[in-house]
Amino acid sequence: MSKGAKKLASSDKLCFGTIETWLIWKLTGGRTWATDYSCASSTGIFDIWKCSWCPIMTYIFSNPINILPEVRDSNAYFGEIDKSLGFGFSIPITGVLGDQQASIFGNLLFDVGDLKLTLGTGIACNINTGTKTHPTSHNIYPLIGWKLSGHPPFYVAELLAANGGRAVEWVVTSGLIENIHDIDSVAKTVQNSAGVSFVPAFNGMEVPYRDPFAGTSLFGISLSTKVGHIVRAVLESQTFISHHVLNLIFDYYGKPKKIRVDGGASQSLFIIENLVTLSEIEIERSKCVEGSLMGASFLAGLGVGLYNDLNDIKTNVLLENKLSFGKLWIY
């Protein structure tokens, strides 16, 4: 920390936080500088067992504890959105969650052992571990999932592979196809990838290889290669990575009867149907693939009394079109 920053910190004129603390600060007109337990646990300087900022980590990173935000329950009252922002009335902020934690919450995975796979910008696999934490090992690390008022924190374990939806986006930005919604139909114009293989490594190789210098590669191109072969290879790469991530989780926790998926790339039935075949597991997908948005909404409803408890949230979400093993379940 620079001398100028230290001087501001010592006089309580400096705040340090993450995106949600800044948003809350701005939305409340500077009246609330706070975060929740799930977001705090994702910073790396929060003790998830003692549920407080870790003095050792804040010392290592030269962050005085007094500049960090107050940590509140996930469904706590964080203040009102300032009227001057143009809404015409005050809106209470009663739900704050980290991204993947909100995804778990939005997919109604409230029971120990519940598991979800997010196919978003990255590929994230999270499992609900209840009131017990998972020791960091096998590339899996613990986070606080959420903490509701009057209850102990619920923990999750996470395994993250960064190269996910970016590969799907690349298919469009590279000009291979014009519309992301056409990706499945283009992949199905050919019966297989004809030896074409795609290795997504836009940010280096992730779990479990950890090679930051690796680059994205496309193999097996021949004179007969068509756009459909390349697009199919890209989608297959997402299936293989997802399958690999799931197996790492299964090796540690065991294989559940079913999982839930969300995220933009989960709209590709090609990826999901192939994942069902590879993993031999039942898969559910929400009609709203933005699980994080759903989770934040459910939590906000819990905070203002729209829902009484987690069971009340579950009963207000209807499941439909449930199909048997080997096919996609959509709710």
Protein backbone atom coordinates (compact mmCIF):
# COMPACT_ATOMS: atom_id res chain seq x y z
CA MET A 1 0.00 0.00 0.00
CA SER A 2 1.34 3.42 -0.95
CA LYS A 3 2.06 6.11 1.63
CA GLY A 4 -0.90 8.13 0.39
CA ALA A 5 -3.25 5.17 0.72
CA LYS A 6 -1.94 4.39 4.21
CA LYS A 7 -2.60 7.98 5.28
CA LEU A 8 -6.17 7.83 3.97
CA ALA A 9 -6.72 4.43 5.62
CA SER A 10 -5.48 5.67 9.00
CA SER A 11 -7.96 8.55 8.87
CA ASP A 12 -10.89 6.31 7.78
CA LYS A 13 -11.06 7.97 4.37
CA LEU A 14 -10.30 4.84 2.32
CA CYS A 15 -12.50 1.85 1.57
CA PHE A 16 -11.45 -1.42 -0.03
CA GLY A 17 -13.86 -4.00 -1.37
CA THR A 18 -15.16 -5.87 -4.40
CA ILE A 19 -17.79 -5.13 -7.02
CA GLU A 20 -20.83 -5.79 -4.84
CA THR A 21 -19.57 -3.50 -2.05
CA TRP A 22 -19.05 -0.72 -4.60
CA LEU A 23 -22.52 -1.29 -6.08
CA ILE A 24 -24.19 -1.26 -2.66
CA TRP A 25 -22.27 1.92 -1.78
CA LYS A 26 -23.39 3.62 -4.98
CA LEU A 27 -27.00 2.36 -4.86
CA THR A 28 -27.47 3.52 -1.27
CA GLY A 29 -25.92 6.91 -1.93
CA GLY A 30 -22.84 6.13 0.14
CA ARG A 31 -24.79 5.10 3.23
CA THR A 32 -23.82 1.40 3.31
CA TRP A 33 -20.36 -0.13 2.97
CA ALA A 34 -21.02 -3.82 3.42
CA THR A 35 -20.88 -7.26 1.85
CA ASP A 36 -22.19 -10.71 2.70
CA TYR A 37 -20.41 -13.86 3.90
CA SER A 38 -20.39 -15.58 0.49
CA CYS A 39 -18.72 -12.68 -1.29
CA ALA A 40 -16.28 -12.13 1.56
CA SER A 41 -15.26 -15.80 1.46
CA SER A 42 -14.34 -15.44 -2.22
CA THR A 43 -11.74 -12.73 -1.57
CA GLY A 44 -9.06 -15.01 -0.10
CA ILE A 45 -8.61 -12.77 2.96
CA PHE A 46 -11.67 -13.96 4.89
CA ASP A 47 -11.53 -16.75 7.48
CA ILE A 48 -14.47 -18.95 6.50
CA TRP A 49 -14.26 -20.92 9.76
CA LYS A 50 -14.24 -17.96 12.15
CA CYS A 51 -16.44 -15.94 9.76
CA SER A 52 -14.33 -12.82 10.04
CA TRP A 53 -11.59 -11.04 8.11
CA CYS A 54 -8.30 -12.88 8.58
CA PRO A 55 -5.66 -10.69 10.28
CA ILE A 56 -2.82 -12.78 8.84
CA MET A 57 -4.01 -12.46 5.25
CA THR A 58 -4.84 -8.77 5.57
CA TYR A 59 -1.32 -8.22 6.97
CA ILE A 60 0.28 -10.15 4.08
CA PHE A 61 -1.61 -8.04 1.54
CA SER A 62 -1.17 -4.80 3.52
CA ASN A 63 -4.92 -4.27 3.84
CA PRO A 64 -5.89 -2.72 7.18
CA ILE A 65 -9.07 -4.38 8.46
CA ASN A 66 -10.72 -1.00 9.07
CA ILE A 67 -10.94 -0.32 5.30
CA LEU A 68 -12.78 -3.58 4.59
CA PRO A 69 -16.60 -3.72 4.40
CA GLU A 70 -18.86 -4.89 7.20
CA VAL A 71 -19.92 -8.51 6.62
CA ARG A 72 -23.66 -9.17 6.96
CA ASP A 73 -25.98 -12.14 6.52
CA SER A 74 -26.83 -12.90 2.91
CA ASN A 75 -30.49 -11.96 3.42
CA ALA A 76 -29.78 -9.01 5.68
CA TYR A 77 -31.02 -5.48 5.11
CA PHE A 78 -28.33 -3.55 3.22
CA GLY A 79 -30.18 -0.27 2.93
CA GLU A 80 -32.43 1.39 0.36
CA ILE A 81 -31.68 2.24 -3.24
CA ASP A 82 -31.46 6.01 -3.36
CA LYS A 83 -34.50 7.74 -4.91
CA SER A 84 -32.22 10.09 -6.82
CA LEU A 85 -31.22 7.23 -9.11
CA GLY A 86 -34.52 7.65 -10.92
CA PHE A 87 -36.72 4.81 -9.68
CA GLY A 88 -39.10 7.25 -8.01
CA PHE A 89 -39.28 5.25 -4.80
CA SER A 90 -36.94 3.47 -2.39
CA ILE A 91 -36.15 -0.20 -3.03
CA PRO A 92 -34.72 -2.28 -0.18
CA ILE A 93 -31.58 -4.32 -0.83
CA THR A 94 -32.13 -7.61 0.99
CA GLY A 95 -30.14 -10.16 -0.97
CA VAL A 96 -26.40 -10.32 -1.64
CA LEU A 97 -24.62 -13.44 -2.91
CA GLY A 98 -21.47 -14.37 -4.78
CA ASP A 99 -21.87 -15.50 -8.39
CA GLN A 100 -21.62 -19.29 -8.13
CA GLN A 101 -23.21 -19.33 -4.69
CA ALA A 102 -26.21 -17.51 -6.13
CA SER A 103 -26.29 -20.08 -8.92
CA ILE A 104 -26.58 -22.89 -6.37
CA PHE A 105 -29.29 -20.97 -4.53
CA GLY A 106 -31.16 -20.22 -7.76
CA ASN A 107 -31.10 -23.90 -8.70
CA LEU A 108 -32.71 -24.71 -5.32
CA LEU A 109 -29.80 -26.90 -4.24
CA PHE A 110 -30.38 -26.49 -0.53
CA ASP A 111 -29.54 -30.06 0.57
CA VAL A 112 -26.14 -31.57 1.36
CA GLY A 113 -24.74 -33.33 -1.69
CA ASP A 114 -26.74 -31.30 -4.22
CA LEU A 115 -24.50 -30.50 -7.20
CA LYS A 116 -24.66 -28.08 -10.11
CA LEU A 117 -22.49 -27.42 -13.14
CA THR A 118 -22.40 -23.92 -14.62
CA LEU A 119 -21.45 -23.63 -18.28
CA GLY A 120 -20.86 -19.91 -18.42
CA THR A 121 -17.79 -17.88 -19.31
CA GLY A 122 -15.99 -20.55 -17.35
CA ILE A 123 -17.06 -24.01 -16.22
CA ALA A 124 -17.76 -24.16 -12.49
CA CYS A 125 -18.84 -27.19 -10.50
CA ASN A 126 -20.20 -26.66 -6.99
CA ILE A 127 -21.50 -29.07 -4.39
CA ASN A 128 -23.44 -28.23 -1.24
CA THR A 129 -21.47 -29.48 1.81
CA GLY A 130 -23.91 -28.17 4.42
CA THR A 131 -22.42 -26.88 7.66
CA LYS A 132 -19.14 -28.70 7.04
CA THR A 133 -16.27 -27.33 4.97
CA HIS A 134 -14.22 -29.14 2.36
CA PRO A 135 -10.43 -29.01 2.84
CA THR A 136 -8.61 -27.55 -0.15
CA SER A 137 -7.38 -30.54 -2.17
CA HIS A 138 -7.77 -32.16 -5.59
CA ASN A 139 -8.19 -28.63 -7.06
CA ILE A 140 -11.38 -28.28 -4.99
CA TYR A 141 -11.66 -25.44 -2.48
CA PRO A 142 -14.27 -24.40 0.11
CA LEU A 143 -16.43 -21.28 0.09
CA ILE A 144 -19.32 -20.01 2.16
CA GLY A 145 -22.45 -20.63 0.11
CA TRP A 146 -24.72 -18.37 2.12
CA LYS A 147 -25.54 -17.40 5.67
CA LEU A 148 -29.15 -16.68 6.52
CA SER A 149 -30.19 -14.63 9.53
CA GLY A 150 -30.31 -16.76 12.67
CA HIS A 151 -28.61 -19.75 11.02
CA PRO A 152 -25.02 -20.98 10.73
CA PRO A 153 -23.30 -20.59 7.37
CA PHE A 154 -23.83 -23.18 4.65
CA TYR A 155 -20.70 -24.14 2.78
CA VAL A 156 -20.01 -25.23 -0.78
CA ALA A 157 -17.01 -26.78 -2.48
CA GLU A 158 -15.98 -25.46 -5.88
CA LEU A 159 -13.89 -26.62 -8.80
CA LEU A 160 -13.35 -24.09 -11.59
CA ALA A 161 -12.14 -24.48 -15.16
CA ALA A 162 -11.87 -21.06 -16.81
CA ASN A 163 -12.14 -22.15 -20.44
CA GLY A 164 -15.86 -22.57 -20.86
CA GLY A 165 -18.30 -20.35 -22.68
CA ARG A 166 -15.48 -18.30 -24.18
CA ALA A 167 -14.92 -21.13 -26.65
CA VAL A 168 -18.58 -21.04 -27.66
CA GLU A 169 -18.41 -17.24 -28.02
CA TRP A 170 -15.29 -17.62 -30.18
CA VAL A 171 -17.31 -19.58 -32.72
CA VAL A 172 -19.32 -16.41 -33.33
CA THR A 173 -16.59 -13.77 -32.97
CA SER A 174 -14.34 -15.73 -35.34
CA GLY A 175 -17.05 -15.56 -38.00
CA LEU A 176 -17.65 -19.31 -38.23
CA ILE A 177 -21.35 -18.71 -37.58
CA GLU A 178 -23.40 -15.52 -37.34
CA ASN A 179 -25.81 -16.36 -34.53
CA ILE A 180 -25.02 -18.24 -31.33
CA HIS A 181 -28.49 -19.80 -31.43
CA ASP A 182 -27.53 -21.62 -34.64
CA ILE A 183 -24.57 -23.42 -33.08
CA ASP A 184 -26.34 -26.76 -32.44
CA SER A 185 -27.90 -26.91 -35.88
CA VAL A 186 -24.53 -26.17 -37.54
CA ALA A 187 -22.83 -28.87 -35.46
CA LYS A 188 -25.47 -31.36 -36.55
CA THR A 189 -24.88 -30.71 -40.28
CA VAL A 190 -22.13 -33.32 -39.97
CA GLN A 191 -22.25 -36.78 -38.38
CA ASN A 192 -18.98 -36.36 -36.47
CA SER A 193 -16.00 -34.02 -36.21
CA ALA A 194 -14.05 -36.04 -38.82
CA GLY A 195 -10.88 -36.06 -36.74
CA VAL A 196 -10.99 -32.35 -35.88
CA SER A 197 -10.11 -31.62 -32.25
CA PHE A 198 -10.37 -28.30 -30.44
CA VAL A 199 -8.42 -27.55 -27.25
CA PRO A 200 -9.71 -24.37 -25.54
CA ALA A 201 -6.94 -22.62 -23.64
CA PHE A 202 -7.67 -18.92 -24.05
CA ASN A 203 -6.32 -18.32 -20.55
CA GLY A 204 -3.91 -21.24 -20.53
CA MET A 205 -4.80 -24.78 -19.46
CA GLU A 206 -6.84 -25.09 -16.30
CA VAL A 207 -7.76 -27.99 -14.01
CA PRO A 208 -5.94 -30.26 -13.57
CA TYR A 209 -3.01 -29.37 -15.85
CA ARG A 210 -2.37 -25.77 -14.79
CA ASP A 211 -0.28 -24.59 -17.73
CA PRO A 212 -0.72 -20.80 -18.04
CA PHE A 213 1.43 -20.71 -21.18
CA ALA A 214 -0.64 -23.20 -23.21
CA GLY A 215 -2.55 -21.78 -26.16
CA THR A 216 -5.84 -22.69 -27.82
CA SER A 217 -5.29 -25.29 -30.53
CA LEU A 218 -7.22 -26.75 -33.44
CA PHE A 219 -6.04 -30.10 -34.78
CA GLY A 220 -6.99 -32.44 -37.61
CA ILE A 221 -7.85 -29.89 -40.30
CA SER A 222 -7.96 -31.39 -43.80
CA LEU A 223 -9.09 -30.29 -47.24
CA SER A 224 -12.49 -31.84 -46.55
CA THR A 225 -12.99 -30.04 -43.22
CA LYS A 226 -16.19 -27.98 -43.08
CA VAL A 227 -17.47 -25.36 -40.69
CA GLY A 228 -19.74 -27.99 -39.12
CA HIS A 229 -16.73 -30.13 -38.20
CA ILE A 230 -15.02 -27.24 -36.40
CA VAL A 231 -18.18 -26.12 -34.62
CA ARG A 232 -18.88 -29.70 -33.57
CA ALA A 233 -15.32 -30.06 -32.26
CA VAL A 234 -15.73 -26.87 -30.18
CA LEU A 235 -18.95 -28.15 -28.60
CA GLU A 236 -17.38 -31.55 -27.99
CA SER A 237 -14.49 -29.85 -26.18
CA GLN A 238 -17.00 -28.28 -23.78
CA THR A 239 -18.54 -31.69 -23.16
CA PHE A 240 -15.15 -33.28 -22.48
CA ILE A 241 -14.05 -30.52 -20.09
CA SER A 242 -17.37 -30.68 -18.24
CA HIS A 243 -17.11 -34.46 -18.00
CA HIS A 244 -13.57 -34.19 -16.67
CA VAL A 245 -14.56 -31.59 -14.06
CA LEU A 246 -17.50 -33.72 -12.93
CA ASN A 247 -15.29 -36.80 -12.60
CA LEU A 248 -12.89 -34.90 -10.33
CA ILE A 249 -15.82 -34.04 -8.08
CA PHE A 250 -17.26 -37.59 -8.29
CA ASP A 251 -13.89 -39.09 -7.35
CA TYR A 252 -13.93 -37.17 -4.08
CA TYR A 253 -17.62 -37.00 -3.17
CA GLY A 254 -19.12 -39.93 -5.03
CA LYS A 255 -21.52 -39.85 -7.93
CA PRO A 256 -25.00 -38.40 -7.30
CA LYS A 257 -28.14 -39.60 -9.07
CA LYS A 258 -28.55 -36.32 -10.89
CA ILE A 259 -27.10 -32.84 -11.31
CA ARG A 260 -28.38 -29.48 -12.46
CA VAL A 261 -26.81 -27.29 -15.10
CA ASP A 262 -27.10 -23.60 -15.92
CA GLY A 263 -25.19 -20.88 -17.71
CA GLY A 264 -25.39 -19.60 -21.28
CA ALA A 265 -23.66 -22.61 -22.88
CA SER A 266 -26.15 -24.97 -21.22
CA GLN A 267 -28.64 -23.79 -23.86
CA SER A 268 -26.76 -26.07 -26.24
CA LEU A 269 -28.66 -29.36 -26.13
CA PHE A 270 -25.76 -30.86 -28.09
CA ILE A 271 -23.42 -30.29 -25.13
CA ILE A 272 -25.90 -31.46 -22.51
CA GLU A 273 -27.09 -34.57 -24.37
CA ASN A 274 -23.50 -35.67 -24.96
CA LEU A 275 -22.66 -34.96 -21.31
CA VAL A 276 -25.55 -37.22 -20.26
CA THR A 277 -24.13 -39.99 -22.44
CA LEU A 278 -20.54 -39.57 -21.22
CA SER A 279 -21.32 -39.16 -17.52
CA GLU A 280 -24.27 -41.58 -17.41
CA ILE A 281 -26.17 -39.29 -15.10
CA GLU A 282 -29.50 -37.52 -15.11
CA ILE A 283 -29.35 -33.81 -15.81
CA GLU A 284 -31.86 -31.06 -15.05
CA ARG A 285 -31.76 -27.64 -16.65
CA SER A 286 -33.84 -24.61 -15.79
CA LYS A 287 -35.75 -22.75 -18.48
CA CYS A 288 -33.96 -19.72 -17.05
CA VAL A 289 -30.28 -20.57 -17.52
CA GLU A 290 -29.14 -17.55 -15.49
CA GLY A 291 -29.13 -19.33 -12.13
CA SER A 292 -27.25 -16.53 -10.40
CA LEU A 293 -30.00 -14.04 -11.21
CA MET A 294 -32.63 -16.45 -9.92
CA GLY A 295 -30.67 -17.02 -6.72
CA ALA A 296 -30.31 -13.32 -5.99
CA SER A 297 -34.04 -12.86 -6.67
CA PHE A 298 -35.06 -15.71 -4.38
CA LEU A 299 -32.79 -14.41 -1.63
CA ALA A 300 -34.15 -10.88 -1.95
CA GLY A 301 -37.68 -12.31 -1.69
CA LEU A 302 -36.65 -14.16 1.45
CA GLY A 303 -35.23 -10.95 2.88
CA VAL A 304 -38.46 -8.96 2.45
CA GLY A 305 -40.71 -11.79 3.64
CA LEU A 306 -42.03 -12.90 0.23
CA TYR A 307 -40.87 -16.40 1.19
CA ASN A 308 -40.91 -17.79 4.70
CA ASP A 309 -37.99 -20.19 4.35
CA LEU A 310 -36.08 -22.32 1.85
CA ASN A 311 -38.85 -24.91 1.65
CA ASP A 312 -41.30 -22.15 0.75
CA ILE A 313 -39.04 -21.15 -2.15
CA LYS A 314 -38.93 -24.75 -3.38
CA THR A 315 -42.70 -25.13 -3.38
CA ASN A 316 -43.08 -21.97 -5.45
CA VAL A 317 -40.94 -23.31 -8.30
CA LEU A 318 -42.78 -25.87 -10.42
CA LEU A 319 -40.97 -28.72 -12.17
CA GLU A 320 -42.33 -29.87 -15.51
CA ASN A 321 -41.45 -31.94 -18.58
CA LYS A 322 -39.40 -34.42 -16.56
CA LEU A 323 -37.91 -37.13 -18.75
CA SER A 324 -36.14 -40.40 -17.94
CA PHE A 325 -32.41 -41.14 -17.81
CA GLY A 326 -30.55 -40.55 -21.05
CA LYS A 327 -32.51 -37.43 -21.92
CA LEU A 328 -32.51 -33.86 -20.73
CA TRP A 329 -34.78 -32.84 -17.88
CA ILE A 330 -36.06 -29.27 -18.21
CA TYR A 331 -37.77 -27.46 -15.36
